[in-house]
Amino acid sequence: MRFCSIASGSSGNCIYVGSDNTHVLVDIGISGKKMETGLNSLELTGRDLDGILITHEHSDHIKGLGVISRKYGIPIYATAGTVDAWCVPMHLERFRGDFHEIQENEPFMINDLKVKPFTIPHDAAQPVGYRLEHEGHSVGIATDLGKYNDYIIENLQGLDALLTGSKYDIRMLQVGKYPYYLKQAYSGRQRAFVQ
C-alpha cells in the first residue's frame, strides 16, 4: 500500500493512496498540472486513477475536480451533502453522473481498496474523513479536523499511517474577518458535534 501527500494546505489538498492494482486520490484542490507532476513522481499518470474521494466541498479540496474527472473519466465518490453543496450553487448538475454517493460509516470497495468514510466536524455540508485498507494495511485521512472525540479516535486506531490537519481555533474564529453568519454556523456545529 502506498500513501503520499501531493499537496496540503490552504492553497490546495491532494493525497494519493494506492495498491499495486488500484490508485485513488483523496481531494483534488490543485491544478491538473500539479496533480500530474505529483503522480509522475510516483510513476503514475491521471490515466491510472480509479477514483477520487472528496472530503468536502471547499475549493482547496475540489478546485481541479471537474477538469480532471472529465479529462480522464474518473469516478468521484462523495456524500450527498457535499455533492449538493458543490454542484447546485455552481450550476454543475451535469457532473452528477460522475458521482457515486457514499454514506458515513458504510464501507465500500474500489477494486481491492476498502474505503470507510466517517464524519468529521468542519464548516461544510457533510464532510468526511477516510480510512483505507488493503491486505492488512491501513491509512487514515482527516483533514480540516475541528475537534476530535471517541468516534474519530475509533476510526483512526491501528493505522499504519495517518494524515491529519486542524484549523479550528475558537479565538481566531471570534476575532477574525469571517462573516457573522459563518462564525455562528461554525461555532454551533462544533458545539453540536461534541455533545
C-alpha atoms as a PDB file:
ATOM      1  CA  MET A   1       0.000   0.000   0.000  1.00  0.00           C
ATOM      2  CA  ARG A   2       1.313   3.468  -0.911  1.00  0.00           C
ATOM      3  CA  PHE A   3       0.315   6.782   0.666  1.00  0.00           C
ATOM      4  CA  CYS A   4       1.612  10.205  -0.379  1.00  0.00           C
ATOM      5  CA  SER A   5       0.557  13.821   0.126  1.00  0.00           C
ATOM      6  CA  ILE A   6       0.865  15.548  -3.256  1.00  0.00           C
ATOM      7  CA  ALA A   7      -0.309  18.891  -1.813  1.00  0.00           C
ATOM      8  CA  SER A   8      -1.547  20.061   1.563  1.00  0.00           C
ATOM      9  CA  GLY A   9      -2.683  23.395   2.942  1.00  0.00           C
ATOM     10  CA  SER A  10      -4.975  26.320   2.178  1.00  0.00           C
ATOM     11  CA  SER A  11      -3.604  26.589  -1.364  1.00  0.00           C
ATOM     12  CA  GLY A  12      -4.773  23.066  -2.198  1.00  0.00           C
ATOM     13  CA  ASN A  13      -5.014  19.481  -0.967  1.00  0.00           C
ATOM     14  CA  CYS A  14      -4.419  16.269  -2.874  1.00  0.00           C
ATOM     15  CA  ILE A  15      -3.474  12.900  -1.377  1.00  0.00           C
ATOM     16  CA  TYR A  16      -2.612   9.694  -3.204  1.00  0.00           C
ATOM     17  CA  VAL A  17      -3.460   6.230  -1.809  1.00  0.00           C
ATOM     18  CA  GLY A  18      -2.966   3.030  -3.726  1.00  0.00           C
ATOM     19  CA  SER A  19      -2.122  -0.622  -4.040  1.00  0.00           C
ATOM     20  CA  ASP A  20      -0.349  -2.362  -6.911  1.00  0.00           C
ATOM     21  CA  ASN A  21      -3.671  -2.513  -8.786  1.00  0.00           C
ATOM     22  CA  THR A  22      -5.751   0.439  -7.533  1.00  0.00           C
ATOM     23  CA  HIS A  23      -4.949   4.154  -7.426  1.00  0.00           C
ATOM     24  CA  VAL A  24      -7.118   6.870  -5.869  1.00  0.00           C
ATOM     25  CA  LEU A  25      -6.824  10.490  -4.890  1.00  0.00           C
ATOM     26  CA  VAL A  26      -8.377  11.975  -1.793  1.00  0.00           C
ATOM     27  CA  ASP A  27      -9.354  15.506  -2.834  1.00  0.00           C
ATOM     28  CA  ILE A  28      -8.021  17.480  -5.759  1.00  0.00           C
ATOM     29  CA  GLY A  29      -7.773  21.117  -4.757  1.00  0.00           C
ATOM     30  CA  ILE A  30      -4.847  21.735  -7.123  1.00  0.00           C
ATOM     31  CA  SER A  31      -4.371  22.180 -10.852  1.00  0.00           C
ATOM     32  CA  GLY A  32      -4.213  19.238 -13.193  1.00  0.00           C
ATOM     33  CA  LYS A  33      -0.605  20.068 -13.981  1.00  0.00           C
ATOM     34  CA  LYS A  34       0.406  19.936 -10.316  1.00  0.00           C
ATOM     35  CA  MET A  35      -1.550  16.717  -9.835  1.00  0.00           C
ATOM     36  CA  GLU A  36       0.182  15.134 -12.832  1.00  0.00           C
ATOM     37  CA  THR A  37       3.592  16.197 -11.528  1.00  0.00           C
ATOM     38  CA  GLY A  38       2.809  14.586  -8.174  1.00  0.00           C
ATOM     39  CA  LEU A  39       1.552  11.398  -9.794  1.00  0.00           C
ATOM     40  CA  ASN A  40       4.563  11.289 -12.137  1.00  0.00           C
ATOM     41  CA  SER A  41       6.848  11.307  -9.088  1.00  0.00           C
ATOM     42  CA  LEU A  42       5.074   8.043  -8.127  1.00  0.00           C
ATOM     43  CA  GLU A  43       5.462   6.715 -11.688  1.00  0.00           C
ATOM     44  CA  LEU A  44       1.727   7.170 -12.355  1.00  0.00           C
ATOM     45  CA  THR A  45      -0.463   9.419 -14.515  1.00  0.00           C
ATOM     46  CA  GLY A  46      -4.088  10.552 -14.337  1.00  0.00           C
ATOM     47  CA  ARG A  47      -4.985   7.616 -16.607  1.00  0.00           C
ATOM     48  CA  ASP A  48      -4.031   5.249 -13.782  1.00  0.00           C
ATOM     49  CA  LEU A  49      -6.607   6.659 -11.357  1.00  0.00           C
ATOM     50  CA  ASP A  50      -9.591   4.521 -10.360  1.00  0.00           C
ATOM     51  CA  GLY A  51     -11.382   7.148  -8.284  1.00  0.00           C
ATOM     52  CA  ILE A  52     -11.334  10.482  -6.485  1.00  0.00           C
ATOM     53  CA  LEU A  53     -12.620  10.594  -2.906  1.00  0.00           C
ATOM     54  CA  ILE A  54     -13.841  14.019  -1.797  1.00  0.00           C
ATOM     55  CA  THR A  55     -13.766  15.033   1.869  1.00  0.00           C
ATOM     56  CA  HIS A  56     -15.862  18.202   1.445  1.00  0.00           C
ATOM     57  CA  GLU A  57     -16.753  20.979  -0.988  1.00  0.00           C
ATOM     58  CA  HIS A  58     -14.302  23.774  -0.118  1.00  0.00           C
ATOM     59  CA  SER A  59     -12.262  24.987  -3.079  1.00  0.00           C
ATOM     60  CA  ASP A  60      -8.909  23.935  -1.601  1.00  0.00           C
ATOM     61  CA  HIS A  61     -10.244  20.355  -1.804  1.00  0.00           C
ATOM     62  CA  ILE A  62     -12.101  20.377  -5.168  1.00  0.00           C
ATOM     63  CA  LYS A  63     -10.586  23.120  -7.355  1.00  0.00           C
ATOM     64  CA  GLY A  64      -9.292  20.712 -10.030  1.00  0.00           C
ATOM     65  CA  LEU A  65     -12.051  18.121  -9.685  1.00  0.00           C
ATOM     66  CA  GLY A  66     -14.237  18.917 -12.698  1.00  0.00           C
ATOM     67  CA  VAL A  67     -11.429  19.254 -15.208  1.00  0.00           C
ATOM     68  CA  ILE A  68      -9.556  16.133 -14.101  1.00  0.00           C
ATOM     69  CA  SER A  69     -12.682  13.987 -13.826  1.00  0.00           C
ATOM     70  CA  ARG A  70     -13.825  14.961 -17.325  1.00  0.00           C
ATOM     71  CA  LYS A  71     -10.359  14.620 -18.857  1.00  0.00           C
ATOM     72  CA  TYR A  72      -9.834  11.088 -17.580  1.00  0.00           C
ATOM     73  CA  GLY A  73     -13.392   9.920 -16.863  1.00  0.00           C
ATOM     74  CA  ILE A  74     -12.557   9.232 -13.228  1.00  0.00           C
ATOM     75  CA  PRO A  75     -15.431   8.305 -10.878  1.00  0.00           C
ATOM     76  CA  ILE A  76     -15.951  10.726  -7.976  1.00  0.00           C
ATOM     77  CA  TYR A  77     -17.012   9.495  -4.528  1.00  0.00           C
ATOM     78  CA  ALA A  78     -18.666  11.996  -2.170  1.00  0.00           C
ATOM     79  CA  THR A  79     -21.518  12.382   0.290  1.00  0.00           C
ATOM     80  CA  ALA A  80     -24.855  13.720  -0.973  1.00  0.00           C
ATOM     81  CA  GLY A  81     -24.396  16.884   1.092  1.00  0.00           C
ATOM     82  CA  THR A  82     -21.017  17.539  -0.497  1.00  0.00           C
ATOM     83  CA  VAL A  83     -22.379  16.958  -3.999  1.00  0.00           C
ATOM     84  CA  ASP A  84     -25.306  19.319  -3.396  1.00  0.00           C
ATOM     85  CA  ALA A  85     -23.102  21.994  -1.853  1.00  0.00           C
ATOM     86  CA  TRP A  86     -20.686  21.875  -4.765  1.00  0.00           C
ATOM     87  CA  CYS A  87     -22.897  21.213  -7.772  1.00  0.00           C
ATOM     88  CA  VAL A  88     -26.040  23.224  -7.179  1.00  0.00           C
ATOM     89  CA  PRO A  89     -24.529  26.659  -6.371  1.00  0.00           C
ATOM     90  CA  MET A  90     -22.041  26.274  -9.225  1.00  0.00           C
ATOM     91  CA  HIS A  91     -24.731  25.128 -11.716  1.00  0.00           C
ATOM     92  CA  LEU A  92     -22.757  21.933 -12.248  1.00  0.00           C
ATOM     93  CA  GLU A  93     -25.654  19.490 -12.270  1.00  0.00           C
ATOM     94  CA  ARG A  94     -24.180  17.950 -15.420  1.00  0.00           C
ATOM     95  CA  PHE A  95     -21.424  16.368 -13.285  1.00  0.00           C
ATOM     96  CA  ARG A  96     -23.860  14.391 -11.129  1.00  0.00           C
ATOM     97  CA  GLY A  97     -23.497  11.355 -13.374  1.00  0.00           C
ATOM     98  CA  ASP A  98     -19.815  11.099 -12.417  1.00  0.00           C
ATOM     99  CA  PHE A  99     -20.631  10.909  -8.718  1.00  0.00           C
ATOM    100  CA  HIS A 100     -21.036   7.833  -6.581  1.00  0.00           C
ATOM    101  CA  GLU A 101     -22.899   8.783  -3.415  1.00  0.00           C
ATOM    102  CA  ILE A 102     -21.303   7.458  -0.249  1.00  0.00           C
ATOM    103  CA  GLN A 103     -22.550   7.359   3.332  1.00  0.00           C
ATOM    104  CA  GLU A 104     -20.675   7.832   6.567  1.00  0.00           C
ATOM    105  CA  ASN A 105     -19.882   4.540   8.332  1.00  0.00           C
ATOM    106  CA  GLU A 106     -20.743   2.473   5.222  1.00  0.00           C
ATOM    107  CA  PRO A 107     -17.551   0.912   3.813  1.00  0.00           C
ATOM    108  CA  PHE A 108     -17.277   0.315   0.077  1.00  0.00           C
ATOM    109  CA  MET A 109     -14.706  -1.091  -2.316  1.00  0.00           C
ATOM    110  CA  ILE A 110     -12.789   0.496  -5.153  1.00  0.00           C
ATOM    111  CA  ASN A 111     -11.225  -2.570  -6.743  1.00  0.00           C
ATOM    112  CA  ASP A 112      -9.020  -4.017  -3.968  1.00  0.00           C
ATOM    113  CA  LEU A 113      -9.108  -0.962  -1.666  1.00  0.00           C
ATOM    114  CA  LYS A 114     -11.644  -0.923   1.166  1.00  0.00           C
ATOM    115  CA  VAL A 115     -12.790   2.631   1.904  1.00  0.00           C
ATOM    116  CA  LYS A 116     -14.622   3.649   5.070  1.00  0.00           C
ATOM    117  CA  PRO A 117     -15.881   7.251   5.267  1.00  0.00           C
ATOM    118  CA  PHE A 118     -16.502   8.729   8.718  1.00  0.00           C
ATOM    119  CA  THR A 119     -17.967  12.028   9.888  1.00  0.00           C
ATOM    120  CA  ILE A 120     -15.652  14.872  10.857  1.00  0.00           C
ATOM    121  CA  PRO A 121     -16.505  18.268  12.385  1.00  0.00           C
ATOM    122  CA  HIS A 122     -15.930  21.054   9.856  1.00  0.00           C
ATOM    123  CA  ASP A 123     -17.844  24.018   8.433  1.00  0.00           C
ATOM    124  CA  ALA A 124     -19.005  22.126   5.361  1.00  0.00           C
ATOM    125  CA  ALA A 125     -22.235  20.458   4.261  1.00  0.00           C
ATOM    126  CA  GLN A 126     -21.426  16.796   5.006  1.00  0.00           C
ATOM    127  CA  PRO A 127     -17.656  16.433   5.500  1.00  0.00           C
ATOM    128  CA  VAL A 128     -15.929  13.103   5.961  1.00  0.00           C
ATOM    129  CA  GLY A 129     -12.543  11.618   6.660  1.00  0.00           C
ATOM    130  CA  TYR A 130     -11.453   8.301   5.203  1.00  0.00           C
ATOM    131  CA  ARG A 131      -9.927   5.070   6.382  1.00  0.00           C
ATOM    132  CA  LEU A 132      -8.474   2.994   3.523  1.00  0.00           C
ATOM    133  CA  GLU A 133      -7.390  -0.629   3.885  1.00  0.00           C
ATOM    134  CA  HIS A 134      -5.623  -3.185   1.728  1.00  0.00           C
ATOM    135  CA  GLU A 135      -4.261  -6.616   2.674  1.00  0.00           C
ATOM    136  CA  GLY A 136      -3.873  -5.912   6.390  1.00  0.00           C
ATOM    137  CA  HIS A 137      -2.524  -2.373   5.972  1.00  0.00           C
ATOM    138  CA  SER A 138      -4.486   0.811   6.625  1.00  0.00           C
ATOM    139  CA  VAL A 139      -4.151   4.569   6.350  1.00  0.00           C
ATOM    140  CA  GLY A 140      -6.354   7.385   7.610  1.00  0.00           C
ATOM    141  CA  ILE A 141      -7.087  10.873   6.333  1.00  0.00           C
ATOM    142  CA  ALA A 142      -8.827  13.504   8.461  1.00  0.00           C
ATOM    143  CA  THR A 143      -8.192  16.967   7.036  1.00  0.00           C
ATOM    144  CA  ASP A 144      -9.588  20.203   8.478  1.00  0.00           C
ATOM    145  CA  LEU A 145     -10.382  18.390  11.695  1.00  0.00           C
ATOM    146  CA  GLY A 146     -12.019  20.876  14.035  1.00  0.00           C
ATOM    147  CA  LYS A 147     -12.197  18.718  17.128  1.00  0.00           C
ATOM    148  CA  TYR A 148     -11.989  15.047  17.874  1.00  0.00           C
ATOM    149  CA  ASN A 149     -13.949  12.635  20.012  1.00  0.00           C
ATOM    150  CA  ASP A 150     -14.085   8.890  20.748  1.00  0.00           C
ATOM    151  CA  TYR A 151     -15.804   8.195  17.405  1.00  0.00           C
ATOM    152  CA  ILE A 152     -12.969   9.787  15.417  1.00  0.00           C
ATOM    153  CA  ILE A 153     -10.319   8.104  17.558  1.00  0.00           C
ATOM    154  CA  GLU A 154     -12.030   4.749  16.937  1.00  0.00           C
ATOM    155  CA  ASN A 155     -11.906   5.313  13.161  1.00  0.00           C
ATOM    156  CA  LEU A 156      -8.223   6.247  13.294  1.00  0.00           C
ATOM    157  CA  GLN A 157      -6.973   3.427  15.551  1.00  0.00           C
ATOM    158  CA  GLY A 158      -4.479   0.822  14.413  1.00  0.00           C
ATOM    159  CA  LEU A 159      -3.349   2.633  11.279  1.00  0.00           C
ATOM    160  CA  ASP A 160      -0.019   2.233   9.520  1.00  0.00           C
ATOM    161  CA  ALA A 161      -0.097   5.949   8.601  1.00  0.00           C
ATOM    162  CA  LEU A 162      -2.278   8.984   9.295  1.00  0.00           C
ATOM    163  CA  LEU A 163      -2.575  12.352   7.570  1.00  0.00           C
ATOM    164  CA  THR A 164      -4.480  14.911   9.602  1.00  0.00           C
ATOM    165  CA  GLY A 165      -4.768  18.647   9.807  1.00  0.00           C
ATOM    166  CA  SER A 166      -6.548  21.037  12.127  1.00  0.00           C
ATOM    167  CA  LYS A 167      -7.617  24.616  11.605  1.00  0.00           C
ATOM    168  CA  TYR A 168     -10.141  25.162  14.359  1.00  0.00           C
ATOM    169  CA  ASP A 169      -9.272  27.930  16.773  1.00  0.00           C
ATOM    170  CA  ILE A 170     -12.274  29.452  18.565  1.00  0.00           C
ATOM    171  CA  ARG A 171     -10.405  32.689  19.350  1.00  0.00           C
ATOM    172  CA  MET A 172      -9.320  33.160  15.733  1.00  0.00           C
ATOM    173  CA  LEU A 173     -12.876  32.448  14.603  1.00  0.00           C
ATOM    174  CA  GLN A 174     -14.340  35.021  17.012  1.00  0.00           C
ATOM    175  CA  VAL A 175     -11.937  37.870  16.174  1.00  0.00           C
ATOM    176  CA  GLY A 176     -11.227  37.006  12.536  1.00  0.00           C
ATOM    177  CA  LYS A 177     -12.633  38.711   9.447  1.00  0.00           C
ATOM    178  CA  TYR A 178     -15.132  35.919   8.844  1.00  0.00           C
ATOM    179  CA  PRO A 179     -18.777  36.983   8.258  1.00  0.00           C
ATOM    180  CA  TYR A 180     -21.026  36.795  11.310  1.00  0.00           C
ATOM    181  CA  TYR A 181     -23.233  34.048   9.838  1.00  0.00           C
ATOM    182  CA  LEU A 182     -20.165  31.830   9.330  1.00  0.00           C
ATOM    183  CA  LYS A 183     -18.923  32.443  12.873  1.00  0.00           C
ATOM    184  CA  GLN A 184     -22.347  31.440  14.208  1.00  0.00           C
ATOM    185  CA  ALA A 185     -22.695  28.378  11.969  1.00  0.00           C
ATOM    186  CA  TYR A 186     -19.203  27.087  12.669  1.00  0.00           C
ATOM    187  CA  SER A 187     -19.428  27.630  16.420  1.00  0.00           C
ATOM    188  CA  GLY A 188     -22.847  25.940  16.501  1.00  0.00           C
ATOM    189  CA  ARG A 189     -21.650  22.926  14.518  1.00  0.00           C
ATOM    190  CA  GLN A 190     -18.681  22.470  16.800  1.00  0.00           C
ATOM    191  CA  ARG A 191     -20.919  22.544  19.878  1.00  0.00           C
ATOM    192  CA  ALA A 192     -23.405  20.134  18.292  1.00  0.00           C
ATOM    193  CA  PHE A 193     -20.678  17.707  17.303  1.00  0.00           C
ATOM    194  CA  VAL A 194     -19.148  17.324  20.737  1.00  0.00           C
ATOM    195  CA  GLN A 195     -22.408  16.959  22.672  1.00  0.00           C
END
